[in-house]
C-alpha atoms as a PDB file:
ATOM      1  CA  MET A   1     -25.836 -52.494  15.729  1.00  0.00           C
ATOM      2  CA  ARG A   2     -24.874 -50.022  13.652  1.00  0.00           C
ATOM      3  CA  ASP A   3     -27.983 -48.422  12.379  1.00  0.00           C
ATOM      4  CA  TRP A   4     -31.995 -49.848  12.400  1.00  0.00           C
ATOM      5  CA  VAL A   5     -32.480 -49.048   8.655  1.00  0.00           C
ATOM      6  CA  LYS A   6     -31.426 -46.737   6.119  1.00  0.00           C
ATOM      7  CA  GLU A   7     -34.625 -45.026   4.917  1.00  0.00           C
ATOM      8  CA  ARG A   8     -36.176 -42.635   7.866  1.00  0.00           C
ATOM      9  CA  ALA A   9     -38.084 -43.988  10.308  1.00  0.00           C
ATOM     10  CA  THR A  10     -41.895 -43.592   9.619  1.00  0.00           C
ATOM     11  CA  LEU A  11     -43.492 -44.634  13.289  1.00  0.00           C
ATOM     12  CA  THR A  12     -44.170 -41.353  14.574  1.00  0.00           C
ATOM     13  CA  ARG A  13     -45.947 -42.944  18.172  1.00  0.00           C
ATOM     14  CA  LYS A  14     -44.388 -45.217  20.266  1.00  0.00           C
ATOM     15  CA  HIS A  15     -45.568 -48.459  19.506  1.00  0.00           C
ATOM     16  CA  ASP A  16     -44.437 -51.654  21.754  1.00  0.00           C
ATOM     17  CA  PHE A  17     -42.328 -54.494  20.242  1.00  0.00           C
ATOM     18  CA  ASP A  18     -43.848 -57.295  21.414  1.00  0.00           C
ATOM     19  CA  ALA A  19     -47.788 -56.211  20.533  1.00  0.00           C
ATOM     20  CA  LEU A  20     -46.985 -55.266  17.148  1.00  0.00           C
ATOM     21  CA  PRO A  21     -49.181 -57.182  14.688  1.00  0.00           C
ATOM     22  CA  LYS A  22     -47.853 -59.607  12.367  1.00  0.00           C
ATOM     23  CA  SER A  23     -47.839 -58.562   8.841  1.00  0.00           C
ATOM     24  CA  LEU A  24     -49.527 -60.768   5.697  1.00  0.00           C
ATOM     25  CA  GLU A  25     -47.648 -58.851   2.748  1.00  0.00           C
ATOM     26  CA  ILE A  26     -43.986 -59.348   4.570  1.00  0.00           C
ATOM     27  CA  SER A  27     -42.984 -62.677   4.765  1.00  0.00           C
ATOM     28  CA  VAL A  28     -40.059 -63.091   7.714  1.00  0.00           C
ATOM     29  CA  GLN A  29     -38.149 -66.224   7.595  1.00  0.00           C
ATOM     30  CA  PRO A  30     -34.861 -68.068   8.494  1.00  0.00           C
ATOM     31  CA  ALA A  31     -32.201 -66.774   6.202  1.00  0.00           C
ATOM     32  CA  ARG A  32     -30.885 -69.197   3.534  1.00  0.00           C
ATOM     33  CA  ARG A  33     -27.126 -69.841   3.217  1.00  0.00           C
ATOM     34  CA  SER A  34     -27.378 -68.692  -0.614  1.00  0.00           C
ATOM     35  CA  GLU A  35     -28.871 -65.430   0.553  1.00  0.00           C
ATOM     36  CA  LEU A  36     -25.989 -64.421   2.735  1.00  0.00           C
ATOM     37  CA  PRO A  37     -23.884 -63.108  -0.194  1.00  0.00           C
ATOM     38  CA  ALA A  38     -26.670 -60.918  -1.227  1.00  0.00           C
ATOM     39  CA  LEU A  39     -27.242 -59.919   2.471  1.00  0.00           C
ATOM     40  CA  ALA A  40     -23.651 -58.732   3.205  1.00  0.00           C
ATOM     41  CA  GLU A  41     -23.551 -56.835  -0.022  1.00  0.00           C
ATOM     42  CA  MET A  42     -27.391 -54.964   0.785  1.00  0.00           C
ATOM     43  CA  ALA A  43     -25.695 -54.418   4.677  1.00  0.00           C
ATOM     44  CA  ASN A  44     -22.847 -52.508   2.811  1.00  0.00           C
ATOM     45  CA  ARG A  45     -25.010 -50.377   0.681  1.00  0.00           C
ATOM     46  CA  LEU A  46     -27.945 -49.346   2.579  1.00  0.00           C
ATOM     47  CA  VAL A  47     -26.323 -49.025   5.940  1.00  0.00           C
ATOM     48  CA  PRO A  48     -23.379 -46.192   6.792  1.00  0.00           C
ATOM     49  CA  GLY A  49     -20.694 -47.437   8.501  1.00  0.00           C
ATOM     50  CA  VAL A  50     -21.676 -50.958   8.142  1.00  0.00           C
ATOM     51  CA  HIS A  51     -18.759 -53.369   6.869  1.00  0.00           C
ATOM     52  CA  ILE A  52     -19.435 -56.475   6.743  1.00  0.00           C
ATOM     53  CA  THR A  53     -18.699 -59.769   5.074  1.00  0.00           C
ATOM     54  CA  GLU A  54     -20.193 -63.146   3.678  1.00  0.00           C
ATOM     55  CA  PRO A  55     -17.519 -64.484   5.849  1.00  0.00           C
ATOM     56  CA  ASP A  56     -18.821 -62.915   8.750  1.00  0.00           C
ATOM     57  CA  LEU A  57     -22.104 -64.044   7.924  1.00  0.00           C
ATOM     58  CA  GLU A  58     -21.379 -67.205   6.979  1.00  0.00           C
ATOM     59  CA  ARG A  59     -19.903 -67.666  11.113  1.00  0.00           C
ATOM     60  CA  TYR A  60     -22.730 -66.679  13.122  1.00  0.00           C
ATOM     61  CA  PHE A  61     -25.251 -68.543  10.525  1.00  0.00           C
ATOM     62  CA  GLY A  62     -23.349 -71.781  10.795  1.00  0.00           C
ATOM     63  CA  PHE A  63     -23.650 -71.344  14.524  1.00  0.00           C
ATOM     64  CA  ASP A  64     -27.104 -70.729  14.794  1.00  0.00           C
ATOM     65  CA  PRO A  65     -29.242 -69.992  11.595  1.00  0.00           C
ATOM     66  CA  THR A  66     -32.129 -68.861  13.015  1.00  0.00           C
ATOM     67  CA  SER A  67     -30.107 -65.590  14.209  1.00  0.00           C
ATOM     68  CA  ILE A  68     -30.629 -63.641  11.048  1.00  0.00           C
ATOM     69  CA  LEU A  69     -34.104 -62.654   9.348  1.00  0.00           C
ATOM     70  CA  THR A  70     -34.710 -61.993   5.764  1.00  0.00           C
ATOM     71  CA  PHE A  71     -37.606 -59.724   5.136  1.00  0.00           C
ATOM     72  CA  SER A  72     -39.378 -60.575   1.496  1.00  0.00           C
ATOM     73  CA  GLN A  73     -42.586 -59.535   0.001  1.00  0.00           C
ATOM     74  CA  LYS A  74     -43.394 -61.656  -3.335  1.00  0.00           C
ATOM     75  CA  GLY A  75     -40.025 -63.688  -3.481  1.00  0.00           C
ATOM     76  CA  ARG A  76     -38.295 -60.562  -3.474  1.00  0.00           C
ATOM     77  CA  LEU A  77     -35.685 -60.058  -0.675  1.00  0.00           C
ATOM     78  CA  LEU A  78     -35.942 -56.533   1.119  1.00  0.00           C
ATOM     79  CA  GLY A  79     -33.517 -56.925   3.985  1.00  0.00           C
ATOM     80  CA  ALA A  80     -32.472 -59.088   7.213  1.00  0.00           C
ATOM     81  CA  VAL A  81     -31.902 -58.694  10.553  1.00  0.00           C
ATOM     82  CA  ALA A  82     -29.522 -60.488  12.556  1.00  0.00           C
ATOM     83  CA  PHE A  83     -29.223 -60.901  16.278  1.00  0.00           C
ATOM     84  CA  LEU A  84     -26.779 -61.959  18.960  1.00  0.00           C
ATOM     85  CA  TYR A  85     -28.612 -64.373  21.132  1.00  0.00           C
ATOM     86  CA  LEU A  86     -26.250 -64.038  24.019  1.00  0.00           C
ATOM     87  CA  ASN A  87     -25.816 -66.379  27.107  1.00  0.00           C
ATOM     88  CA  TRP A  88     -25.402 -65.192  31.002  1.00  0.00           C
ATOM     89  CA  ARG A  89     -21.656 -64.613  30.492  1.00  0.00           C
ATOM     90  CA  GLY A  90     -22.420 -62.393  27.090  1.00  0.00           C
ATOM     91  CA  HIS A  91     -24.930 -60.611  28.537  1.00  0.00           C
ATOM     92  CA  ASP A  92     -22.627 -59.504  31.029  1.00  0.00           C
ATOM     93  CA  ALA A  93     -20.034 -58.750  28.861  1.00  0.00           C
ATOM     94  CA  LEU A  94     -22.467 -56.593  26.901  1.00  0.00           C
ATOM     95  CA  ILE A  95     -23.288 -55.040  29.913  1.00  0.00           C
ATOM     96  CA  PHE A  96     -19.697 -54.284  30.947  1.00  0.00           C
ATOM     97  CA  ASP A  97     -18.270 -53.343  27.400  1.00  0.00           C
ATOM     98  CA  GLU A  98     -16.552 -56.504  27.747  1.00  0.00           C
ATOM     99  CA  ILE A  99     -17.818 -57.164  24.076  1.00  0.00           C
ATOM    100  CA  ASN A 100     -16.425 -57.065  20.937  1.00  0.00           C
ATOM    101  CA  LEU A 101     -19.978 -56.531  18.820  1.00  0.00           C
ATOM    102  CA  THR A 102     -18.277 -56.527  15.510  1.00  0.00           C
ATOM    103  CA  HIS A 103     -16.662 -59.917  15.935  1.00  0.00           C
ATOM    104  CA  PRO A 104     -18.390 -61.474  19.328  1.00  0.00           C
ATOM    105  CA  ASP A 105     -16.600 -64.581  20.562  1.00  0.00           C
ATOM    106  CA  VAL A 106     -19.006 -67.381  19.729  1.00  0.00           C
ATOM    107  CA  GLY A 107     -18.533 -68.751  23.502  1.00  0.00           C
ATOM    108  CA  LEU A 108     -20.555 -65.357  24.815  1.00  0.00           C
ATOM    109  CA  LEU A 109     -23.704 -66.657  22.425  1.00  0.00           C
ATOM    110  CA  ALA A 110     -26.346 -69.305  23.452  1.00  0.00           C
ATOM    111  CA  GLY A 111     -26.341 -72.384  21.564  1.00  0.00           C
ATOM    112  CA  PRO A 112     -29.115 -73.170  19.766  1.00  0.00           C
ATOM    113  CA  ALA A 113     -30.620 -75.819  22.185  1.00  0.00           C
ATOM    114  CA  GLU A 114     -30.099 -73.373  24.864  1.00  0.00           C
ATOM    115  CA  ASP A 115     -32.098 -70.348  26.380  1.00  0.00           C
ATOM    116  CA  ALA A 116     -30.926 -66.857  25.450  1.00  0.00           C
ATOM    117  CA  SER A 117     -30.012 -64.534  28.441  1.00  0.00           C
ATOM    118  CA  ALA A 118     -30.386 -61.348  26.335  1.00  0.00           C
ATOM    119  CA  ILE A 119     -30.950 -60.632  22.659  1.00  0.00           C
ATOM    120  CA  TYR A 120     -28.660 -58.168  20.976  1.00  0.00           C
ATOM    121  CA  VAL A 121     -29.854 -56.376  17.520  1.00  0.00           C
ATOM    122  CA  TRP A 122     -26.691 -57.060  15.890  1.00  0.00           C
ATOM    123  CA  ALA A 123     -27.533 -55.216  12.672  1.00  0.00           C
ATOM    124  CA  ILE A 124     -30.662 -54.256  10.416  1.00  0.00           C
ATOM    125  CA  ALA A 125     -31.252 -53.205   6.842  1.00  0.00           C
ATOM    126  CA  GLY A 126     -33.920 -52.977   4.748  1.00  0.00           C
ATOM    127  CA  GLN A 127     -35.571 -51.404   1.987  1.00  0.00           C
ATOM    128  CA  GLY A 128     -39.333 -50.719   0.660  1.00  0.00           C
ATOM    129  CA  ARG A 129     -41.558 -52.281   3.104  1.00  0.00           C
ATOM    130  CA  ALA A 130     -39.380 -54.725   5.111  1.00  0.00           C
ATOM    131  CA  MET A 131     -39.954 -52.633   8.285  1.00  0.00           C
ATOM    132  CA  ALA A 132     -43.707 -54.056   8.189  1.00  0.00           C
ATOM    133  CA  GLY A 133     -41.987 -57.365   8.777  1.00  0.00           C
ATOM    134  CA  LEU A 134     -41.526 -56.069  12.723  1.00  0.00           C
ATOM    135  CA  GLY A 135     -44.365 -57.437  13.926  1.00  0.00           C
ATOM    136  CA  ASN A 136     -43.305 -61.008  12.171  1.00  0.00           C
ATOM    137  CA  VAL A 137     -39.725 -60.524  13.871  1.00  0.00           C
ATOM    138  CA  SER A 138     -41.683 -60.064  17.323  1.00  0.00           C
ATOM    139  CA  THR A 139     -43.739 -63.555  16.532  1.00  0.00           C
ATOM    140  CA  HIS A 140     -40.117 -65.186  16.039  1.00  0.00           C
ATOM    141  CA  LEU A 141     -38.543 -63.928  19.040  1.00  0.00           C
ATOM    142  CA  SER A 142     -41.401 -64.876  21.433  1.00  0.00           C
ATOM    143  CA  SER A 143     -40.556 -68.911  20.822  1.00  0.00           C
ATOM    144  CA  PRO A 144     -39.689 -70.572  24.150  1.00  0.00           C
ATOM    145  CA  ARG A 145     -35.861 -70.606  24.079  1.00  0.00           C
ATOM    146  CA  LEU A 146     -36.100 -66.489  23.461  1.00  0.00           C
ATOM    147  CA  LYS A 147     -39.300 -65.196  24.490  1.00  0.00           C
ATOM    148  CA  ALA A 148     -37.736 -64.189  28.766  1.00  0.00           C
ATOM    149  CA  ALA A 149     -34.728 -62.583  26.939  1.00  0.00           C
ATOM    150  CA  ASP A 150     -34.921 -58.554  26.628  1.00  0.00           C
ATOM    151  CA  LEU A 151     -33.961 -56.886  23.699  1.00  0.00           C
ATOM    152  CA  PHE A 152     -30.419 -54.240  23.532  1.00  0.00           C
ATOM    153  CA  ALA A 153     -29.803 -52.276  20.774  1.00  0.00           C
ATOM    154  CA  ALA A 154     -26.650 -49.595  20.578  1.00  0.00           C
ATOM    155  CA  PRO A 155     -28.369 -47.336  17.403  1.00  0.00           C
ATOM    156  CA  SER A 156     -25.610 -44.899  15.691  1.00  0.00           C
ATOM    157  CA  SER A 157     -27.707 -42.748  13.787  1.00  0.00           C
ATOM    158  CA  ALA A 158     -30.581 -40.474  14.599  1.00  0.00           C
ATOM    159  CA  ASP A 159     -32.583 -42.639  12.484  1.00  0.00           C
ATOM    160  CA  GLY A 160     -31.815 -45.327  14.862  1.00  0.00           C
ATOM    161  CA  ARG A 161     -32.387 -44.178  17.492  1.00  0.00           C
ATOM    162  CA  ASN A 162     -35.953 -42.656  16.558  1.00  0.00           C
ATOM    163  CA  LEU A 163     -36.746 -46.379  15.938  1.00  0.00           C
ATOM    164  CA  THR A 164     -35.160 -47.989  19.222  1.00  0.00           C
ATOM    165  CA  ILE A 165     -37.646 -45.637  20.734  1.00  0.00           C
ATOM    166  CA  ALA A 166     -40.484 -46.440  18.334  1.00  0.00           C
ATOM    167  CA  LEU A 167     -40.517 -49.515  19.893  1.00  0.00           C
ATOM    168  CA  GLY A 168     -40.341 -49.441  23.106  1.00  0.00           C
ATOM    169  CA  PHE A 169     -36.567 -49.262  23.827  1.00  0.00           C
ATOM    170  CA  GLU A 170     -35.451 -46.755  26.812  1.00  0.00           C
ATOM    171  CA  PRO A 171     -31.862 -46.266  27.699  1.00  0.00           C
ATOM    172  CA  THR A 172     -30.417 -48.937  30.406  1.00  0.00           C
ATOM    173  CA  PRO A 173     -27.207 -48.600  32.901  1.00  0.00           C
ATOM    174  CA  SER A 174     -24.085 -49.979  31.134  1.00  0.00           C
ATOM    175  CA  TYR A 175     -20.758 -49.543  30.384  1.00  0.00           C
ATOM    176  CA  GLN A 176     -21.540 -49.222  26.769  1.00  0.00           C
ATOM    177  CA  GLN A 177     -21.621 -46.127  25.157  1.00  0.00           C
ATOM    178  CA  GLU A 178     -25.010 -46.372  24.316  1.00  0.00           C
ATOM    179  CA  LEU A 179     -26.963 -49.170  25.055  1.00  0.00           C
ATOM    180  CA  TRP A 180     -31.004 -49.421  24.625  1.00  0.00           C
ATOM    181  CA  ARG A 181     -32.637 -52.265  26.758  1.00  0.00           C
ATOM    182  CA  TYR A 182     -36.444 -53.272  25.775  1.00  0.00           C
ATOM    183  CA  GLN A 183     -37.905 -55.632  28.510  1.00  0.00           C
ATOM    184  CA  ARG A 184     -40.505 -57.690  27.281  1.00  0.00           C
ATOM    185  CA  LEU A 185     -44.131 -57.533  27.990  1.00  0.00           C
ATOM    186  CA  TRP A 186     -44.005 -60.353  30.545  1.00  0.00           C
ATOM    187  CA  ASN A 187     -40.936 -59.790  32.052  1.00  0.00           C
ATOM    188  CA  ARG A 188     -42.722 -56.157  33.815  1.00  0.00           C
ATOM    189  CA  PHE A 189     -44.240 -55.943  37.138  1.00  0.00           C
ATOM    190  CA  PRO A 190     -47.488 -54.661  36.773  1.00  0.00           C
ATOM    191  CA  ALA A 191     -47.361 -50.833  38.163  1.00  0.00           C
ATOM    192  CA  GLN A 192     -49.927 -51.769  41.000  1.00  0.00           C
ATOM    193  CA  MET A 193     -47.191 -54.366  42.603  1.00  0.00           C
ATOM    194  CA  PRO A 194     -44.277 -53.426  44.074  1.00  0.00           C
ATOM    195  CA  ALA A 195     -41.008 -55.127  42.585  1.00  0.00           C
ATOM    196  CA  PRO A 196     -39.742 -57.896  45.452  1.00  0.00           C
ATOM    197  CA  ILE A 197     -37.062 -56.429  47.382  1.00  0.00           C
ATOM    198  CA  ALA A 198     -33.749 -58.132  46.841  1.00  0.00           C
ATOM    199  CA  ALA A 199     -30.551 -59.054  48.512  1.00  0.00           C
ATOM    200  CA  ALA A 200     -28.146 -56.181  48.196  1.00  0.00           C
ATOM    201  CA  ARG A 201     -25.401 -57.662  45.686  1.00  0.00           C
ATOM    202  CA  SER A 202     -22.723 -56.170  43.282  1.00  0.00           C
ATOM    203  CA  PHE A 203     -23.290 -54.452  39.945  1.00  0.00           C
ATOM    204  CA  ALA A 204     -21.003 -57.056  38.270  1.00  0.00           C
ATOM    205  CA  ASP A 205     -24.028 -59.428  39.691  1.00  0.00           C
ATOM    206  CA  ALA A 206     -26.646 -57.361  38.348  1.00  0.00           C
ATOM    207  CA  ARG A 207     -27.783 -57.733  34.361  1.00  0.00           C
ATOM    208  CA  HIS A 208     -30.483 -55.368  34.523  1.00  0.00           C
END
């Protein structure tokens, strides 16, 4: 992920991504093919360091149209967020820095009918009140095939890092330079319950 959003994060206290309320003002829905040129232009204009083309978006949109979500208000396009829904191979490749995050191999992505093992926040750009729709995004990522997958992000700016922290992400051990993980609410052990004792295994087998 190159950045979360151009505008400075306005969240001043820590929120929990899975518990964010839905917005009635911001509409969040899968992108339409006709919107891809505008989304590529918006990402390149709003997010420093991003160089993404319409064909780039087209490739992943064609593989899974639900991986790109748009933010809009009263019909006005405000931004979008793109995810990589990773299969177990992609999950391992992310942890071990064996995935090209600029042009990821589709063989590392979960198919539209396959449960995701992990969700990588590939890019997000927005203007105006776009980020008020993050609760709607949370609802989308709670669908049966995505619900069990923890979220990962690699913010590359102070604003992105601030928003990442505000949404409950924490640094996670990996071979990536800076990888953050958000553990889904339902994947956490209750504080009073000890984690089960698992047989020792190599780091190559561990995904968390």
